[in-house]
Amino acid sequence: MYNTDIPTRAELPTTRQLLRSTAIAIVSAGVILTTIVLPAEYAIDPTGIGKAIGLAEMGEIKTQLAAEAESDRIKDEARPAPATPAAPDQRSSLLGSIFAELVIGTASAQKAAMKTEETKVTLKPGEGAEVKLDMKKGAKANFTWTVEGGVVNFDMHADGAGQQSTSYEKGRAAPSQEGVLEAAFDGKHGWFWRNRGKADVIVTLKVNGDFAAMKRVM
């Protein structure tokens, strides 16, 4: 049986060579971090290379969308919760049963009903807008939106009680989007659009599904 030859001491790299290789690897990683990762993810561009190759703009969009989504979440949490109406007095078990049946029947009918709504939003250059649906966890809504006159950057996200938040999808320079929005938790679910073009655009949103209301919050 033939065994692989063991390298001699002379063939092994020296300590100086190992230190040199390590230093080269560290410098290379630093260059990649400074010129690519930081501009693309956090809009930090100390060398100016990220701006020259378009990565800094990508980082600015990601940072801005994240900041705006966080600001909206804080605003939603700051709003006072609606007062819960007091239950009517139940004078007898019979009246109580009738009242319960009416409430349950009404709630079931509202849950089964599918709403359809449409809205149009005009965005000037640099302007942003946000439209959200009040949805329960697991509820679904079919949606489609289109842009007339250009393209937009968008963030489809949600905010809920207890500092819950999530981003379903983000995009830039998009002319349209369609799909099914499924609520990850009870709260407000919807879209933020930003017009980065030089002309006014009109965003038309059509929604059909299980949601309580559609509101423009920004």
N, C-alpha and C. Protein backbone atom coordinates (compact mmCIF):
# COMPACT_ATOMS: atom_id res chain seq x y z
N MET A 1 0.85 -1.19 0.00
CA MET A 1 0.00 0.00 0.00
C MET A 1 0.88 1.24 0.00
N TYR A 2 0.49 2.27 -0.80
CA TYR A 2 1.29 3.48 -0.92
C TYR A 2 0.66 4.58 -0.07
N ASN A 3 1.40 5.15 0.81
CA ASN A 3 0.93 6.27 1.64
C ASN A 3 1.43 7.58 1.06
N THR A 4 0.62 8.61 1.21
CA THR A 4 1.01 9.93 0.72
C THR A 4 2.25 10.41 1.46
N ASP A 5 3.17 10.99 0.70
CA ASP A 5 4.42 11.47 1.31
C ASP A 5 4.12 12.62 2.26
N ILE A 6 4.74 12.57 3.42
CA ILE A 6 4.60 13.65 4.40
C ILE A 6 5.54 14.79 4.01
N PRO A 7 5.05 16.03 3.91
CA PRO A 7 5.95 17.13 3.50
C PRO A 7 7.05 17.35 4.51
N THR A 8 8.20 17.74 4.01
CA THR A 8 9.33 18.03 4.89
C THR A 8 9.14 19.38 5.53
N ARG A 9 9.95 19.68 6.55
CA ARG A 9 9.88 20.98 7.24
C ARG A 9 10.15 22.13 6.27
N ALA A 10 11.01 21.89 5.28
CA ALA A 10 11.35 22.96 4.33
C ALA A 10 10.16 23.29 3.43
N GLU A 11 9.29 22.29 3.20
CA GLU A 11 8.14 22.53 2.33
C GLU A 11 6.99 23.21 3.05
N LEU A 12 6.97 23.18 4.37
CA LEU A 12 5.90 23.82 5.13
C LEU A 12 6.07 25.34 5.12
N PRO A 13 4.93 26.11 5.13
CA PRO A 13 5.05 27.58 5.16
C PRO A 13 5.66 28.04 6.47
N THR A 14 6.44 29.09 6.38
CA THR A 14 7.06 29.64 7.57
C THR A 14 6.08 30.52 8.33
N THR A 15 6.45 30.85 9.55
CA THR A 15 5.61 31.74 10.36
C THR A 15 5.43 33.09 9.67
N ARG A 16 6.45 33.58 9.05
CA ARG A 16 6.38 34.86 8.35
C ARG A 16 5.38 34.79 7.19
N GLN A 17 5.42 33.66 6.45
CA GLN A 17 4.49 33.48 5.33
C GLN A 17 3.04 33.40 5.82
N LEU A 18 2.83 32.69 6.93
CA LEU A 18 1.49 32.59 7.49
C LEU A 18 0.97 33.95 7.95
N LEU A 19 1.82 34.71 8.60
CA LEU A 19 1.41 36.05 9.05
C LEU A 19 1.11 36.96 7.87
N ARG A 20 1.90 36.81 6.81
CA ARG A 20 1.67 37.62 5.61
C ARG A 20 0.33 37.27 4.96
N SER A 21 0.05 35.96 4.87
CA SER A 21 -1.22 35.52 4.28
C SER A 21 -2.40 36.01 5.12
N THR A 22 -2.25 35.93 6.44
CA THR A 22 -3.32 36.40 7.33
C THR A 22 -3.56 37.90 7.16
N ALA A 23 -2.46 38.64 7.07
CA ALA A 23 -2.59 40.09 6.90
C ALA A 23 -3.27 40.45 5.59
N ILE A 24 -2.91 39.70 4.52
CA ILE A 24 -3.54 39.95 3.22
C ILE A 24 -5.03 39.67 3.28
N ALA A 25 -5.41 38.57 3.97
CA ALA A 25 -6.83 38.22 4.09
C ALA A 25 -7.59 39.28 4.87
N ILE A 26 -6.98 39.80 5.94
CA ILE A 26 -7.64 40.83 6.75
C ILE A 26 -7.83 42.11 5.94
N VAL A 27 -6.80 42.51 5.21
CA VAL A 27 -6.89 43.72 4.39
C VAL A 27 -7.95 43.56 3.30
N SER A 28 -7.98 42.37 2.65
CA SER A 28 -8.98 42.13 1.61
C SER A 28 -10.39 42.19 2.17
N ALA A 29 -10.59 41.59 3.34
CA ALA A 29 -11.91 41.64 3.97
C ALA A 29 -12.31 43.07 4.31
N GLY A 30 -11.32 43.85 4.78
CA GLY A 30 -11.62 45.24 5.09
C GLY A 30 -11.99 46.05 3.86
N VAL A 31 -11.32 45.78 2.76
CA VAL A 31 -11.63 46.48 1.51
C VAL A 31 -13.04 46.15 1.04
N ILE A 32 -13.39 44.85 1.08
CA ILE A 32 -14.73 44.43 0.66
C ILE A 32 -15.80 45.04 1.56
N LEU A 33 -15.53 45.04 2.86
CA LEU A 33 -16.49 45.62 3.81
C LEU A 33 -16.69 47.11 3.56
N THR A 34 -15.59 47.84 3.32
CA THR A 34 -15.66 49.29 3.16
C THR A 34 -16.25 49.71 1.83
N THR A 35 -15.91 49.00 0.76
CA THR A 35 -16.31 49.44 -0.58
C THR A 35 -17.60 48.81 -1.08
N ILE A 36 -18.03 47.67 -0.50
CA ILE A 36 -19.22 46.96 -1.02
C ILE A 36 -20.30 46.81 0.05
N VAL A 37 -19.95 46.14 1.17
CA VAL A 37 -20.98 45.79 2.17
C VAL A 37 -21.57 47.03 2.82
N LEU A 38 -20.73 47.92 3.35
CA LEU A 38 -21.25 49.10 4.04
C LEU A 38 -22.07 50.02 3.14
N PRO A 39 -21.60 50.34 1.90
CA PRO A 39 -22.45 51.18 1.02
C PRO A 39 -23.76 50.52 0.64
N ALA A 40 -23.74 49.20 0.32
CA ALA A 40 -24.94 48.52 -0.17
C ALA A 40 -25.97 48.29 0.92
N GLU A 41 -25.52 48.06 2.17
CA GLU A 41 -26.47 47.71 3.23
C GLU A 41 -26.81 48.88 4.14
N TYR A 42 -25.84 49.79 4.38
CA TYR A 42 -26.07 50.84 5.38
C TYR A 42 -25.82 52.26 4.85
N ALA A 43 -25.56 52.39 3.54
CA ALA A 43 -25.31 53.71 2.92
C ALA A 43 -24.12 54.41 3.54
N ILE A 44 -23.16 53.65 4.08
CA ILE A 44 -21.92 54.21 4.63
C ILE A 44 -20.83 54.04 3.57
N ASP A 45 -20.33 55.16 3.04
CA ASP A 45 -19.42 55.10 1.90
C ASP A 45 -18.22 56.00 2.14
N PRO A 46 -17.28 55.60 3.01
CA PRO A 46 -16.14 56.46 3.32
C PRO A 46 -15.19 56.68 2.14
N THR A 47 -15.16 55.72 1.20
CA THR A 47 -14.21 55.83 0.08
C THR A 47 -14.81 56.50 -1.15
N GLY A 48 -16.14 56.53 -1.25
CA GLY A 48 -16.79 57.10 -2.43
C GLY A 48 -16.95 56.11 -3.56
N ILE A 49 -16.39 54.91 -3.40
CA ILE A 49 -16.50 53.90 -4.45
C ILE A 49 -17.93 53.39 -4.57
N GLY A 50 -18.61 53.23 -3.43
CA GLY A 50 -19.99 52.76 -3.45
C GLY A 50 -20.89 53.67 -4.25
N LYS A 51 -20.70 54.98 -4.12
CA LYS A 51 -21.51 55.92 -4.88
C LYS A 51 -21.21 55.84 -6.37
N ALA A 52 -19.94 55.63 -6.69
CA ALA A 52 -19.53 55.57 -8.09
C ALA A 52 -20.12 54.37 -8.82
N ILE A 53 -20.27 53.25 -8.11
CA ILE A 53 -20.79 52.05 -8.76
C ILE A 53 -22.26 51.78 -8.43
N GLY A 54 -22.92 52.71 -7.75
CA GLY A 54 -24.36 52.62 -7.52
C GLY A 54 -24.77 51.87 -6.27
N LEU A 55 -23.82 51.38 -5.46
CA LEU A 55 -24.19 50.63 -4.27
C LEU A 55 -24.67 51.54 -3.15
N ALA A 56 -24.13 52.76 -3.09
CA ALA A 56 -24.54 53.67 -2.02
C ALA A 56 -26.01 54.03 -2.13
N GLU A 57 -26.51 54.19 -3.35
CA GLU A 57 -27.93 54.51 -3.54
C GLU A 57 -28.81 53.37 -3.04
N MET A 58 -28.37 52.13 -3.30
CA MET A 58 -29.11 50.97 -2.81
C MET A 58 -29.17 50.98 -1.28
N GLY A 59 -28.04 51.27 -0.65
CA GLY A 59 -28.01 51.34 0.81
C GLY A 59 -28.88 52.44 1.36
N GLU A 60 -28.92 53.60 0.67
CA GLU A 60 -29.76 54.70 1.11
C GLU A 60 -31.24 54.32 1.06
N ILE A 61 -31.63 53.60 0.00
CA ILE A 61 -33.03 53.17 -0.13
C ILE A 61 -33.40 52.21 1.00
N LYS A 62 -32.53 51.22 1.26
CA LYS A 62 -32.80 50.25 2.33
C LYS A 62 -32.89 50.95 3.68
N THR A 63 -31.95 51.86 3.94
CA THR A 63 -31.94 52.55 5.23
C THR A 63 -33.16 53.43 5.39
N GLN A 64 -33.54 54.13 4.31
CA GLN A 64 -34.68 55.03 4.38
C GLN A 64 -35.99 54.27 4.57
N LEU A 65 -36.16 53.16 3.83
CA LEU A 65 -37.38 52.36 3.98
C LEU A 65 -37.50 51.79 5.38
N ALA A 66 -36.38 51.33 5.95
CA ALA A 66 -36.41 50.78 7.30
C ALA A 66 -36.76 51.86 8.32
N ALA A 67 -36.17 53.08 8.15
CA ALA A 67 -36.45 54.17 9.07
C ALA A 67 -37.90 54.61 8.99
N GLU A 68 -38.45 54.68 7.77
CA GLU A 68 -39.84 55.11 7.61
C GLU A 68 -40.80 54.08 8.17
N ALA A 69 -40.50 52.79 7.97
CA ALA A 69 -41.35 51.74 8.52
C ALA A 69 -41.33 51.77 10.05
N GLU A 70 -40.16 52.01 10.64
CA GLU A 70 -40.05 52.10 12.09
C GLU A 70 -40.80 53.31 12.62
N SER A 71 -40.72 54.44 11.90
CA SER A 71 -41.45 55.64 12.31
C SER A 71 -42.95 55.42 12.28
N ASP A 72 -43.44 54.72 11.25
CA ASP A 72 -44.88 54.42 11.16
C ASP A 72 -45.31 53.50 12.31
N ARG A 73 -44.47 52.52 12.65
CA ARG A 73 -44.80 51.62 13.74
C ARG A 73 -44.93 52.37 15.06
N ILE A 74 -44.01 53.32 15.30
CA ILE A 74 -44.05 54.10 16.54
C ILE A 74 -45.30 54.97 16.59
N LYS A 75 -45.67 55.56 15.43
CA LYS A 75 -46.88 56.39 15.38
C LYS A 75 -48.12 55.57 15.66
N ASP A 76 -48.18 54.36 15.09
CA ASP A 76 -49.34 53.50 15.30
C ASP A 76 -49.48 53.12 16.77
N GLU A 77 -48.35 52.83 17.43
CA GLU A 77 -48.40 52.43 18.83
C GLU A 77 -48.77 53.59 19.74
N ALA A 78 -48.45 54.83 19.30
CA ALA A 78 -48.74 56.01 20.11
C ALA A 78 -50.21 56.38 20.09
N ARG A 79 -50.96 55.88 19.09
CA ARG A 79 -52.38 56.21 19.02
C ARG A 79 -53.15 55.49 20.12
N PRO A 80 -54.08 56.19 20.79
CA PRO A 80 -54.84 55.56 21.87
C PRO A 80 -55.74 54.45 21.34
N ALA A 81 -55.87 53.39 22.09
CA ALA A 81 -56.73 52.28 21.69
C ALA A 81 -58.19 52.69 21.82
N PRO A 82 -59.05 52.26 20.89
CA PRO A 82 -60.46 52.62 20.97
C PRO A 82 -61.11 52.03 22.21
N ALA A 83 -62.02 52.81 22.82
CA ALA A 83 -62.70 52.36 24.02
C ALA A 83 -63.63 51.19 23.71
N THR A 84 -63.65 50.22 24.59
CA THR A 84 -64.52 49.05 24.42
C THR A 84 -65.91 49.38 24.94
N PRO A 85 -66.93 49.27 24.09
CA PRO A 85 -68.28 49.60 24.54
C PRO A 85 -68.75 48.63 25.62
N ALA A 86 -69.51 49.17 26.58
CA ALA A 86 -70.02 48.35 27.66
C ALA A 86 -71.10 47.42 27.15
N ALA A 87 -71.10 46.19 27.67
CA ALA A 87 -72.12 45.21 27.27
C ALA A 87 -73.45 45.58 27.90
N PRO A 88 -74.56 45.40 27.18
CA PRO A 88 -75.88 45.72 27.74
C PRO A 88 -76.24 44.78 28.87
N ASP A 89 -77.05 45.27 29.76
CA ASP A 89 -77.50 44.44 30.89
C ASP A 89 -78.37 43.30 30.37
N GLN A 90 -78.13 42.13 30.94
CA GLN A 90 -78.93 40.95 30.57
C GLN A 90 -79.97 40.74 31.67
N ARG A 91 -81.22 41.00 31.35
CA ARG A 91 -82.29 40.93 32.36
C ARG A 91 -82.72 39.51 32.65
N SER A 92 -82.46 38.61 31.71
CA SER A 92 -82.85 37.22 31.94
C SER A 92 -81.96 36.33 31.09
N SER A 93 -81.96 35.05 31.42
CA SER A 93 -81.15 34.10 30.65
C SER A 93 -81.62 34.01 29.21
N LEU A 94 -82.93 34.20 28.99
CA LEU A 94 -83.48 34.14 27.64
C LEU A 94 -82.96 35.29 26.80
N LEU A 95 -83.05 36.51 27.37
CA LEU A 95 -82.53 37.68 26.64
C LEU A 95 -81.03 37.55 26.41
N GLY A 96 -80.32 36.98 27.39
CA GLY A 96 -78.87 36.80 27.23
C GLY A 96 -78.56 35.85 26.09
N SER A 97 -79.31 34.77 25.97
CA SER A 97 -79.09 33.81 24.89
C SER A 97 -79.35 34.44 23.53
N ILE A 98 -80.45 35.21 23.46
CA ILE A 98 -80.78 35.87 22.19
C ILE A 98 -79.70 36.86 21.79
N PHE A 99 -79.23 37.64 22.78
CA PHE A 99 -78.18 38.63 22.51
C PHE A 99 -76.90 37.94 22.01
N ALA A 100 -76.53 36.83 22.67
CA ALA A 100 -75.32 36.11 22.28
C ALA A 100 -75.43 35.57 20.86
N GLU A 101 -76.60 35.03 20.52
CA GLU A 101 -76.79 34.49 19.17
C GLU A 101 -76.70 35.58 18.12
N LEU A 102 -77.27 36.75 18.44
CA LEU A 102 -77.21 37.86 17.49
C LEU A 102 -75.77 38.32 17.28
N VAL A 103 -75.00 38.41 18.38
CA VAL A 103 -73.61 38.87 18.28
C VAL A 103 -72.77 37.87 17.50
N ILE A 104 -72.93 36.58 17.84
CA ILE A 104 -72.15 35.54 17.15
C ILE A 104 -72.51 35.50 15.67
N GLY A 105 -73.82 35.59 15.37
CA GLY A 105 -74.25 35.56 13.97
C GLY A 105 -73.72 36.73 13.18
N THR A 106 -73.73 37.93 13.80
CA THR A 106 -73.22 39.12 13.12
C THR A 106 -71.73 39.01 12.88
N ALA A 107 -70.98 38.53 13.88
CA ALA A 107 -69.53 38.39 13.73
C ALA A 107 -69.19 37.38 12.64
N SER A 108 -69.95 36.27 12.58
CA SER A 108 -69.69 35.26 11.55
C SER A 108 -69.97 35.82 10.16
N ALA A 109 -71.04 36.60 10.04
CA ALA A 109 -71.38 37.19 8.74
C ALA A 109 -70.31 38.18 8.30
N GLN A 110 -69.79 38.98 9.25
CA GLN A 110 -68.74 39.94 8.90
C GLN A 110 -67.47 39.23 8.49
N LYS A 111 -67.17 38.10 9.18
CA LYS A 111 -65.94 37.36 8.85
C LYS A 111 -66.04 36.73 7.48
N ALA A 112 -67.24 36.24 7.14
CA ALA A 112 -67.40 35.58 5.86
C ALA A 112 -67.40 36.57 4.69
N ALA A 113 -67.78 37.83 4.98
CA ALA A 113 -67.87 38.82 3.91
C ALA A 113 -66.48 39.19 3.40
N MET A 114 -66.33 39.25 2.10
CA MET A 114 -65.08 39.65 1.47
C MET A 114 -65.23 41.06 0.93
N LYS A 115 -64.32 41.93 1.33
CA LYS A 115 -64.40 43.33 0.90
C LYS A 115 -63.56 43.57 -0.34
N THR A 116 -64.01 44.52 -1.14
CA THR A 116 -63.26 44.95 -2.32
C THR A 116 -63.15 46.47 -2.29
N GLU A 117 -61.92 46.97 -2.37
CA GLU A 117 -61.72 48.42 -2.36
C GLU A 117 -60.62 48.79 -3.35
N GLU A 118 -60.68 50.04 -3.79
CA GLU A 118 -59.70 50.57 -4.73
C GLU A 118 -59.37 52.00 -4.33
N THR A 119 -58.10 52.37 -4.46
CA THR A 119 -57.69 53.74 -4.15
C THR A 119 -56.58 54.16 -5.10
N LYS A 120 -56.48 55.45 -5.32
CA LYS A 120 -55.43 56.02 -6.17
C LYS A 120 -54.63 57.03 -5.35
N VAL A 121 -53.31 56.98 -5.51
CA VAL A 121 -52.42 57.88 -4.78
C VAL A 121 -51.49 58.57 -5.78
N THR A 122 -51.49 59.89 -5.76
CA THR A 122 -50.59 60.67 -6.62
C THR A 122 -49.35 61.05 -5.84
N LEU A 123 -48.17 60.75 -6.41
CA LEU A 123 -46.90 61.04 -5.75
C LEU A 123 -46.07 62.00 -6.60
N LYS A 124 -45.68 63.11 -6.00
CA LYS A 124 -44.77 64.02 -6.67
C LYS A 124 -43.34 63.49 -6.54
N PRO A 125 -42.38 64.01 -7.30
CA PRO A 125 -41.00 63.53 -7.19
C PRO A 125 -40.49 63.64 -5.75
N GLY A 126 -39.98 62.56 -5.22
CA GLY A 126 -39.46 62.50 -3.87
C GLY A 126 -40.51 62.26 -2.80
N GLU A 127 -41.78 62.25 -3.15
CA GLU A 127 -42.86 62.09 -2.18
C GLU A 127 -43.15 60.62 -1.90
N GLY A 128 -43.58 60.31 -0.66
CA GLY A 128 -43.94 58.96 -0.28
C GLY A 128 -45.37 58.91 0.26
N ALA A 129 -45.96 57.72 0.25
CA ALA A 129 -47.32 57.53 0.76
C ALA A 129 -47.45 56.10 1.26
N GLU A 130 -48.40 55.91 2.19
CA GLU A 130 -48.60 54.58 2.77
C GLU A 130 -50.09 54.28 2.92
N VAL A 131 -50.48 53.07 2.52
CA VAL A 131 -51.86 52.60 2.65
C VAL A 131 -51.82 51.26 3.38
N LYS A 132 -52.70 51.10 4.39
CA LYS A 132 -52.69 49.87 5.19
C LYS A 132 -54.09 49.31 5.38
N LEU A 133 -54.13 48.00 5.60
CA LEU A 133 -55.37 47.27 5.86
C LEU A 133 -55.38 46.82 7.31
N ASP A 134 -56.54 46.94 7.98
CA ASP A 134 -56.71 46.37 9.31
C ASP A 134 -57.07 44.90 9.14
N MET A 135 -56.19 44.00 9.61
CA MET A 135 -56.38 42.57 9.37
C MET A 135 -56.10 41.77 10.64
N LYS A 136 -56.78 40.63 10.74
CA LYS A 136 -56.53 39.68 11.82
C LYS A 136 -55.49 38.65 11.35
N LYS A 137 -54.84 38.01 12.33
CA LYS A 137 -53.83 37.00 12.01
C LYS A 137 -54.43 35.90 11.14
N GLY A 138 -53.74 35.58 10.06
CA GLY A 138 -54.18 34.52 9.16
C GLY A 138 -55.12 34.98 8.07
N ALA A 139 -55.64 36.22 8.16
CA ALA A 139 -56.53 36.74 7.12
C ALA A 139 -55.73 36.96 5.83
N LYS A 140 -56.41 36.83 4.68
CA LYS A 140 -55.75 36.96 3.39
C LYS A 140 -56.47 38.00 2.53
N ALA A 141 -55.70 38.69 1.72
CA ALA A 141 -56.26 39.68 0.80
C ALA A 141 -55.50 39.62 -0.52
N ASN A 142 -56.24 39.47 -1.61
CA ASN A 142 -55.64 39.55 -2.94
C ASN A 142 -55.43 41.02 -3.28
N PHE A 143 -54.29 41.34 -3.89
CA PHE A 143 -54.01 42.73 -4.19
C PHE A 143 -53.28 42.86 -5.52
N THR A 144 -53.40 44.04 -6.08
CA THR A 144 -52.61 44.42 -7.26
C THR A 144 -52.48 45.93 -7.27
N TRP A 145 -51.29 46.43 -7.54
CA TRP A 145 -51.11 47.87 -7.72
C TRP A 145 -50.23 48.13 -8.93
N THR A 146 -50.54 49.21 -9.61
CA THR A 146 -49.81 49.60 -10.82
C THR A 146 -49.45 51.07 -10.73
N VAL A 147 -48.41 51.43 -11.44
CA VAL A 147 -47.93 52.81 -11.44
C VAL A 147 -48.12 53.41 -12.83
N GLU A 148 -48.75 54.56 -12.87
CA GLU A 148 -48.94 55.29 -14.12
C GLU A 148 -47.98 56.48 -14.15
N GLY A 149 -47.14 56.53 -15.18
CA GLY A 149 -46.22 57.65 -15.34
C GLY A 149 -44.81 57.40 -14.86
N GLY A 150 -44.50 56.19 -14.40
CA GLY A 150 -43.14 55.91 -13.95
C GLY A 150 -43.06 54.66 -13.11
N VAL A 151 -42.12 54.63 -12.16
CA VAL A 151 -41.93 53.50 -11.26
C VAL A 151 -41.76 54.03 -9.84
N VAL A 152 -41.83 53.12 -8.85
CA VAL A 152 -41.69 53.52 -7.45
C VAL A 152 -40.85 52.49 -6.69
N ASN A 153 -40.29 52.94 -5.57
CA ASN A 153 -39.71 52.01 -4.59
C ASN A 153 -40.82 51.65 -3.61
N PHE A 154 -40.84 50.42 -3.10
CA PHE A 154 -41.92 50.02 -2.21
C PHE A 154 -41.43 49.13 -1.08
N ASP A 155 -42.23 49.12 0.00
CA ASP A 155 -41.99 48.23 1.14
C ASP A 155 -43.35 47.73 1.60
N MET A 156 -43.62 46.43 1.42
CA MET A 156 -44.85 45.82 1.91
C MET A 156 -44.57 45.26 3.30
N HIS A 157 -45.19 45.85 4.33
CA HIS A 157 -44.84 45.51 5.70
C HIS A 157 -46.06 45.55 6.60
N ALA A 158 -45.85 45.29 7.90
CA ALA A 158 -46.96 45.26 8.85
C ALA A 158 -46.48 45.70 10.22
N ASP A 159 -47.42 46.27 11.01
CA ASP A 159 -47.16 46.67 12.39
C ASP A 159 -48.32 46.17 13.25
N GLY A 160 -48.00 45.74 14.48
CA GLY A 160 -49.03 45.25 15.38
C GLY A 160 -48.76 45.66 16.81
N ALA A 161 -49.58 45.16 17.72
CA ALA A 161 -49.41 45.47 19.13
C ALA A 161 -48.16 44.81 19.68
N GLY A 162 -47.67 45.37 20.79
CA GLY A 162 -46.49 44.78 21.42
C GLY A 162 -45.23 44.91 20.59
N GLN A 163 -45.12 46.01 19.82
CA GLN A 163 -43.94 46.28 18.99
C GLN A 163 -43.69 45.22 17.94
N GLN A 164 -44.76 44.54 17.52
CA GLN A 164 -44.62 43.58 16.42
C GLN A 164 -44.47 44.32 15.10
N SER A 165 -43.58 43.86 14.27
CA SER A 165 -43.41 44.44 12.94
C SER A 165 -42.70 43.43 12.05
N THR A 166 -42.99 43.51 10.75
CA THR A 166 -42.33 42.63 9.79
C THR A 166 -42.39 43.26 8.41
N SER A 167 -41.45 42.90 7.58
CA SER A 167 -41.43 43.36 6.19
C SER A 167 -41.63 42.15 5.30
N TYR A 168 -42.71 42.16 4.51
CA TYR A 168 -43.00 41.03 3.63
C TYR A 168 -42.15 41.06 2.36
N GLU A 169 -41.98 42.26 1.80
CA GLU A 169 -41.24 42.36 0.54
C GLU A 169 -40.84 43.82 0.29
N LYS A 170 -39.66 44.02 -0.28
CA LYS A 170 -39.20 45.35 -0.66
C LYS A 170 -38.77 45.33 -2.12
N GLY A 171 -38.81 46.48 -2.76
CA GLY A 171 -38.38 46.56 -4.15
C GLY A 171 -38.08 47.99 -4.55
N ARG A 172 -37.41 48.15 -5.66
CA ARG A 172 -37.07 49.49 -6.17
C ARG A 172 -37.36 49.53 -7.66
N ALA A 173 -37.73 50.73 -8.11
CA ALA A 173 -38.02 50.96 -9.53
C ALA A 173 -39.01 49.95 -10.06
N ALA A 174 -40.09 49.71 -9.31
CA ALA A 174 -41.09 48.72 -9.70
C ALA A 174 -42.29 49.40 -10.36
N PRO A 175 -42.77 48.87 -11.50
CA PRO A 175 -43.94 49.45 -12.17
C PRO A 175 -45.25 48.88 -11.64
N SER A 176 -45.20 47.71 -10.93
CA SER A 176 -46.43 47.08 -10.44
C SER A 176 -46.08 45.94 -9.50
N GLN A 177 -47.12 45.43 -8.83
CA GLN A 177 -46.96 44.26 -7.97
C GLN A 177 -48.34 43.64 -7.76
N GLU A 178 -48.40 42.31 -7.66
CA GLU A 178 -49.65 41.64 -7.36
C GLU A 178 -49.37 40.36 -6.60
N GLY A 179 -50.36 39.91 -5.83
CA GLY A 179 -50.18 38.69 -5.06
C GLY A 179 -51.23 38.58 -3.98
N VAL A 180 -50.90 37.80 -2.94
CA VAL A 180 -51.79 37.59 -1.80
C VAL A 180 -51.07 38.02 -0.53
N LEU A 181 -51.67 38.92 0.22
CA LEU A 181 -51.11 39.37 1.49
C LEU A 181 -51.78 38.58 2.62
N GLU A 182 -50.98 37.79 3.35
CA GLU A 182 -51.49 37.02 4.48
C GLU A 182 -50.94 37.62 5.77
N ALA A 183 -51.84 38.03 6.67
CA ALA A 183 -51.45 38.71 7.89
C ALA A 183 -50.70 37.77 8.83
N ALA A 184 -49.50 38.19 9.24
CA ALA A 184 -48.70 37.38 10.15
C ALA A 184 -49.17 37.53 11.59
N PHE A 185 -49.90 38.61 11.88
CA PHE A 185 -50.43 38.85 13.23
C PHE A 185 -51.52 39.92 13.12
N ASP A 186 -52.26 40.13 14.21
CA ASP A 186 -53.28 41.18 14.23
C ASP A 186 -52.61 42.54 14.11
N GLY A 187 -53.10 43.38 13.21
CA GLY A 187 -52.51 44.71 13.09
C GLY A 187 -52.79 45.35 11.75
N LYS A 188 -51.90 46.25 11.36
CA LYS A 188 -52.05 47.01 10.12
C LYS A 188 -51.03 46.49 9.11
N HIS A 189 -51.53 46.12 7.93
CA HIS A 189 -50.69 45.50 6.91
C HIS A 189 -50.88 46.26 5.59
N GLY A 190 -49.79 46.60 4.93
CA GLY A 190 -49.96 47.36 3.69
C GLY A 190 -48.66 47.72 3.01
N TRP A 191 -48.69 48.87 2.31
CA TRP A 191 -47.62 49.23 1.39
C TRP A 191 -47.17 50.67 1.62
N PHE A 192 -45.86 50.86 1.46
CA PHE A 192 -45.29 52.21 1.43
C PHE A 192 -44.62 52.38 0.07
N TRP A 193 -44.95 53.49 -0.61
CA TRP A 193 -44.36 53.78 -1.92
C TRP A 193 -43.60 55.10 -1.87
N ARG A 194 -42.51 55.17 -2.63
CA ARG A 194 -41.72 56.41 -2.74
C ARG A 194 -41.41 56.65 -4.22
N ASN A 195 -41.71 57.85 -4.69
CA ASN A 195 -41.44 58.23 -6.08
C ASN A 195 -40.05 58.86 -6.15
N ARG A 196 -39.11 58.15 -6.74
CA ARG A 196 -37.74 58.66 -6.90
C ARG A 196 -37.51 59.23 -8.30
N GLY A 197 -38.57 59.31 -9.10
CA GLY A 197 -38.43 59.84 -10.45
C GLY A 197 -38.49 61.36 -10.48
N LYS A 198 -38.54 61.91 -11.69
CA LYS A 198 -38.56 63.36 -11.87
C LYS A 198 -39.93 63.89 -12.29
N ALA A 199 -40.92 63.00 -12.35
CA ALA A 199 -42.27 63.40 -12.75
C ALA A 199 -43.29 62.77 -11.81
N ASP A 200 -44.48 63.37 -11.75
CA ASP A 200 -45.56 62.83 -10.92
C ASP A 200 -45.96 61.44 -11.41
N VAL A 201 -46.34 60.57 -10.48
CA VAL A 201 -46.86 59.25 -10.82
C VAL A 201 -48.16 59.02 -10.06
N ILE A 202 -48.97 58.09 -10.55
CA ILE A 202 -50.22 57.72 -9.90
C ILE A 202 -50.18 56.22 -9.61
N VAL A 203 -50.32 55.86 -8.33
CA VAL A 203 -50.36 54.46 -7.91
C VAL A 203 -51.81 54.06 -7.69
N THR A 204 -52.27 53.03 -8.40
CA THR A 204 -53.63 52.53 -8.25
C THR A 204 -53.59 51.18 -7.54
N LEU A 205 -54.23 51.11 -6.36
CA LEU A 205 -54.24 49.88 -5.55
C LEU A 205 -55.64 49.28 -5.53
N LYS A 206 -55.74 47.98 -5.84
CA LYS A 206 -57.01 47.25 -5.78
C LYS A 206 -56.83 46.07 -4.83
N VAL A 207 -57.76 45.94 -3.87
CA VAL A 207 -57.66 44.90 -2.84
C VAL A 207 -59.00 44.18 -2.71
N ASN A 208 -58.94 42.85 -2.56
CA ASN A 208 -60.13 42.04 -2.32
C ASN A 208 -59.78 40.95 -1.32
N GLY A 209 -60.52 40.92 -0.19
CA GLY A 209 -60.21 39.88 0.78
C GLY A 209 -60.80 40.13 2.14
N ASP A 210 -60.17 39.53 3.14
CA ASP A 210 -60.67 39.57 4.52
C ASP A 210 -59.93 40.65 5.29
N PHE A 211 -60.49 41.85 5.32
CA PHE A 211 -59.91 42.95 6.09
C PHE A 211 -61.03 43.87 6.56
N ALA A 212 -60.76 44.58 7.66
CA ALA A 212 -61.80 45.43 8.25
C ALA A 212 -61.91 46.76 7.53
N ALA A 213 -60.78 47.38 7.20
CA ALA A 213 -60.81 48.69 6.56
C ALA A 213 -59.48 48.94 5.86
N MET A 214 -59.51 49.82 4.86
CA MET A 214 -58.31 50.25 4.16
C MET A 214 -58.16 51.75 4.36
N LYS A 215 -57.01 52.18 4.87
CA LYS A 215 -56.81 53.58 5.17
C LYS A 215 -55.45 54.06 4.67
N ARG A 216 -55.41 55.32 4.24
CA ARG A 216 -54.12 55.93 3.93
C ARG A 216 -53.63 56.58 5.21
N VAL A 217 -52.46 56.14 5.69
CA VAL A 217 -51.94 56.61 6.97
C VAL A 217 -50.80 57.60 6.80
N MET A 218 -50.42 57.85 5.56
CA MET A 218 -49.34 58.81 5.32
C MET A 218 -49.51 59.43 3.95
